[in-house]
N, C-alpha and C. Protein backbone atom coordinates (compact mmCIF):
# COMPACT_ATOMS: atom_id res chain seq x y z
N MET A 1 79.92 -66.80 133.42
CA MET A 1 80.85 -67.64 132.72
C MET A 1 80.13 -68.30 131.54
N LYS A 2 80.75 -68.20 130.38
CA LYS A 2 80.16 -68.75 129.16
C LYS A 2 80.58 -70.21 128.99
N ILE A 3 79.59 -71.06 128.74
CA ILE A 3 79.86 -72.48 128.51
C ILE A 3 80.05 -72.68 127.01
N SER A 4 81.14 -73.33 126.62
CA SER A 4 81.43 -73.52 125.21
C SER A 4 80.47 -74.54 124.58
N ALA A 5 80.44 -74.54 123.26
CA ALA A 5 79.58 -75.48 122.54
C ALA A 5 80.00 -76.92 122.80
N MET A 6 81.30 -77.16 122.90
CA MET A 6 81.77 -78.52 123.18
C MET A 6 81.35 -78.98 124.58
N ALA A 7 81.29 -78.06 125.53
CA ALA A 7 80.83 -78.42 126.87
C ALA A 7 79.35 -78.81 126.83
N TRP A 8 78.54 -78.09 126.05
CA TRP A 8 77.12 -78.44 125.91
C TRP A 8 76.96 -79.82 125.30
N ILE A 9 77.81 -80.15 124.33
CA ILE A 9 77.76 -81.48 123.72
C ILE A 9 78.09 -82.54 124.77
N GLY A 10 79.11 -82.29 125.58
CA GLY A 10 79.49 -83.23 126.63
C GLY A 10 78.42 -83.40 127.69
N ILE A 11 77.81 -82.30 128.12
CA ILE A 11 76.75 -82.36 129.13
C ILE A 11 75.56 -83.15 128.60
N THR A 12 75.14 -82.84 127.38
CA THR A 12 73.98 -83.53 126.80
C THR A 12 74.25 -85.01 126.59
N THR A 13 75.41 -85.33 126.07
CA THR A 13 75.77 -86.73 125.84
C THR A 13 75.83 -87.49 127.15
N SER A 14 76.44 -86.89 128.17
CA SER A 14 76.54 -87.56 129.47
C SER A 14 75.16 -87.85 130.05
N LEU A 15 74.27 -86.87 129.99
CA LEU A 15 72.93 -87.09 130.54
C LEU A 15 72.20 -88.20 129.79
N LEU A 16 72.30 -88.21 128.47
CA LEU A 16 71.57 -89.21 127.71
C LEU A 16 72.17 -90.61 127.87
N VAL A 17 73.48 -90.71 128.06
CA VAL A 17 74.10 -92.01 128.32
C VAL A 17 73.66 -92.51 129.70
N LEU A 18 73.66 -91.62 130.69
CA LEU A 18 73.19 -92.01 132.02
C LEU A 18 71.72 -92.42 132.00
N LEU A 19 70.95 -91.73 131.19
CA LEU A 19 69.53 -92.06 131.05
C LEU A 19 69.35 -93.45 130.45
N ALA A 20 70.14 -93.77 129.43
CA ALA A 20 70.06 -95.10 128.82
C ALA A 20 70.49 -96.19 129.81
N MET A 21 71.53 -95.90 130.60
CA MET A 21 71.96 -96.86 131.60
C MET A 21 70.89 -97.04 132.67
N GLY A 22 70.24 -95.96 133.06
CA GLY A 22 69.17 -96.05 134.05
C GLY A 22 67.99 -96.86 133.53
N ALA A 23 67.67 -96.70 132.26
CA ALA A 23 66.58 -97.49 131.67
C ALA A 23 66.94 -98.97 131.63
N ALA A 24 68.20 -99.27 131.34
CA ALA A 24 68.63 -100.67 131.31
C ALA A 24 68.64 -101.29 132.70
N LEU A 25 68.83 -100.46 133.72
CA LEU A 25 68.88 -100.96 135.10
C LEU A 25 67.53 -100.85 135.80
N ASN A 26 66.46 -100.68 135.02
CA ASN A 26 65.09 -100.62 135.54
C ASN A 26 64.88 -99.51 136.56
N LEU A 27 65.37 -98.33 136.25
CA LEU A 27 65.11 -97.15 137.08
C LEU A 27 63.62 -96.81 136.99
N ARG A 28 63.09 -96.16 137.98
CA ARG A 28 61.66 -95.84 137.98
C ARG A 28 61.28 -95.06 136.73
N PHE A 29 60.07 -95.32 136.25
CA PHE A 29 59.59 -94.70 135.02
C PHE A 29 59.58 -93.18 135.12
N SER A 30 59.21 -92.64 136.27
CA SER A 30 59.13 -91.18 136.41
C SER A 30 60.51 -90.53 136.22
N TRP A 31 61.57 -91.18 136.72
CA TRP A 31 62.91 -90.65 136.53
C TRP A 31 63.31 -90.69 135.04
N ILE A 32 62.99 -91.78 134.38
CA ILE A 32 63.30 -91.91 132.95
C ILE A 32 62.51 -90.89 132.15
N PHE A 33 61.24 -90.71 132.48
CA PHE A 33 60.39 -89.78 131.76
C PHE A 33 60.90 -88.34 131.89
N PHE A 34 61.17 -87.90 133.12
CA PHE A 34 61.63 -86.53 133.32
C PHE A 34 63.06 -86.35 132.79
N GLY A 35 63.86 -87.39 132.88
CA GLY A 35 65.20 -87.32 132.29
C GLY A 35 65.14 -87.16 130.78
N THR A 36 64.18 -87.84 130.16
CA THR A 36 64.00 -87.71 128.71
C THR A 36 63.56 -86.30 128.34
N LEU A 37 62.66 -85.72 129.12
CA LEU A 37 62.23 -84.35 128.86
C LEU A 37 63.39 -83.37 128.99
N ILE A 38 64.19 -83.54 130.02
CA ILE A 38 65.36 -82.68 130.21
C ILE A 38 66.36 -82.90 129.07
N GLY A 39 66.54 -84.16 128.66
CA GLY A 39 67.45 -84.47 127.56
C GLY A 39 67.02 -83.83 126.25
N GLN A 40 65.71 -83.83 125.98
CA GLN A 40 65.23 -83.19 124.76
C GLN A 40 65.45 -81.69 124.80
N ALA A 41 65.25 -81.08 125.96
CA ALA A 41 65.51 -79.65 126.09
C ALA A 41 66.99 -79.36 125.91
N LEU A 42 67.84 -80.21 126.47
CA LEU A 42 69.29 -80.02 126.32
C LEU A 42 69.73 -80.19 124.87
N ILE A 43 69.09 -81.09 124.14
CA ILE A 43 69.43 -81.25 122.72
C ILE A 43 69.11 -79.96 121.96
N LEU A 44 67.97 -79.36 122.25
CA LEU A 44 67.62 -78.09 121.58
C LEU A 44 68.63 -76.99 121.92
N VAL A 45 69.00 -76.89 123.19
CA VAL A 45 69.98 -75.88 123.60
C VAL A 45 71.32 -76.17 122.95
N MET A 46 71.72 -77.45 122.93
CA MET A 46 73.00 -77.82 122.33
C MET A 46 73.05 -77.47 120.86
N VAL A 47 72.00 -77.79 120.11
CA VAL A 47 71.97 -77.48 118.68
C VAL A 47 72.06 -75.97 118.46
N TYR A 48 71.32 -75.21 119.26
CA TYR A 48 71.37 -73.74 119.14
C TYR A 48 72.77 -73.22 119.42
N LYS A 49 73.40 -73.70 120.49
CA LYS A 49 74.75 -73.23 120.85
C LYS A 49 75.78 -73.61 119.80
N VAL A 50 75.66 -74.82 119.24
CA VAL A 50 76.63 -75.24 118.21
C VAL A 50 76.46 -74.39 116.95
N LEU A 51 75.22 -74.13 116.56
CA LEU A 51 75.00 -73.36 115.34
C LEU A 51 75.37 -71.89 115.50
N LYS A 52 75.24 -71.35 116.70
CA LYS A 52 75.56 -69.94 116.94
C LYS A 52 76.99 -69.72 117.41
N ASP A 53 77.78 -70.80 117.53
CA ASP A 53 79.15 -70.70 118.01
C ASP A 53 79.99 -69.91 117.01
N ASN A 54 80.85 -69.06 117.52
CA ASN A 54 81.71 -68.23 116.68
C ASN A 54 82.98 -69.00 116.34
N TYR A 55 82.85 -69.99 115.46
CA TYR A 55 83.95 -70.86 115.08
C TYR A 55 84.33 -70.58 113.64
N THR A 56 85.59 -70.35 113.40
CA THR A 56 86.07 -70.13 112.04
C THR A 56 87.24 -71.06 111.77
N THR A 57 87.42 -71.39 110.50
CA THR A 57 88.52 -72.24 110.10
C THR A 57 88.98 -71.81 108.70
N ASP A 58 90.22 -72.14 108.41
CA ASP A 58 90.73 -71.86 107.07
C ASP A 58 90.74 -73.11 106.21
N LYS A 59 90.18 -74.20 106.72
CA LYS A 59 90.11 -75.45 105.98
C LYS A 59 88.99 -75.39 104.93
N THR A 60 89.21 -76.09 103.83
CA THR A 60 88.19 -76.21 102.79
C THR A 60 88.00 -77.69 102.48
N PHE A 61 87.08 -77.99 101.59
CA PHE A 61 86.87 -79.38 101.21
C PHE A 61 88.08 -79.95 100.48
N GLU A 62 88.89 -79.10 99.91
CA GLU A 62 90.09 -79.58 99.23
C GLU A 62 91.16 -80.06 100.21
N ASP A 63 91.04 -79.72 101.48
CA ASP A 63 92.01 -80.15 102.49
C ASP A 63 91.79 -81.59 102.95
N PHE A 64 90.74 -82.23 102.45
CA PHE A 64 90.40 -83.62 102.78
C PHE A 64 90.16 -83.75 104.27
N TYR A 65 90.63 -84.80 104.90
CA TYR A 65 90.41 -85.01 106.32
C TYR A 65 91.54 -84.38 107.12
N GLU A 66 91.18 -83.77 108.25
CA GLU A 66 92.17 -83.08 109.06
C GLU A 66 93.10 -84.06 109.78
N ASP A 67 92.61 -85.24 110.12
CA ASP A 67 93.46 -86.18 110.85
C ASP A 67 94.45 -86.90 109.94
N ARG A 68 94.25 -86.84 108.63
CA ARG A 68 95.19 -87.46 107.70
C ARG A 68 95.32 -86.56 106.47
N PRO A 69 96.17 -85.55 106.58
CA PRO A 69 96.29 -84.61 105.46
C PRO A 69 96.85 -85.31 104.20
N VAL A 70 96.29 -84.94 103.08
CA VAL A 70 96.71 -85.48 101.80
C VAL A 70 97.35 -84.33 101.02
N PRO A 71 98.58 -84.52 100.54
CA PRO A 71 99.20 -83.44 99.74
C PRO A 71 98.36 -83.12 98.52
N ARG A 72 98.37 -81.87 98.11
CA ARG A 72 97.56 -81.41 97.00
C ARG A 72 97.93 -82.07 95.67
N GLU A 73 99.16 -82.58 95.56
CA GLU A 73 99.57 -83.24 94.31
C GLU A 73 98.81 -84.55 94.09
N ASN A 74 98.32 -85.18 95.12
CA ASN A 74 97.65 -86.47 95.02
C ASN A 74 96.19 -86.36 94.64
N TYR A 75 95.66 -85.16 94.49
CA TYR A 75 94.24 -85.00 94.16
C TYR A 75 93.95 -85.35 92.71
N ARG A 76 94.89 -85.22 91.84
CA ARG A 76 94.64 -85.42 90.41
C ARG A 76 95.02 -86.78 89.95
């Protein structure tokens, strides 16, 4: 089963947020240290998966922001 790029982003973010919470709650140093090593490896995997993802779009810079489309007449 192939894990999507967005799933890798979610997994990595979740681990790093849990790691930050563990550090704030005085978790043992060894857990924080190994969690940080795993988090760094996950960041590398995540970046690779995002860059190699087969994602295409028909949007261009002229389309402005996707969440608030601006009609083309307003550009000038």
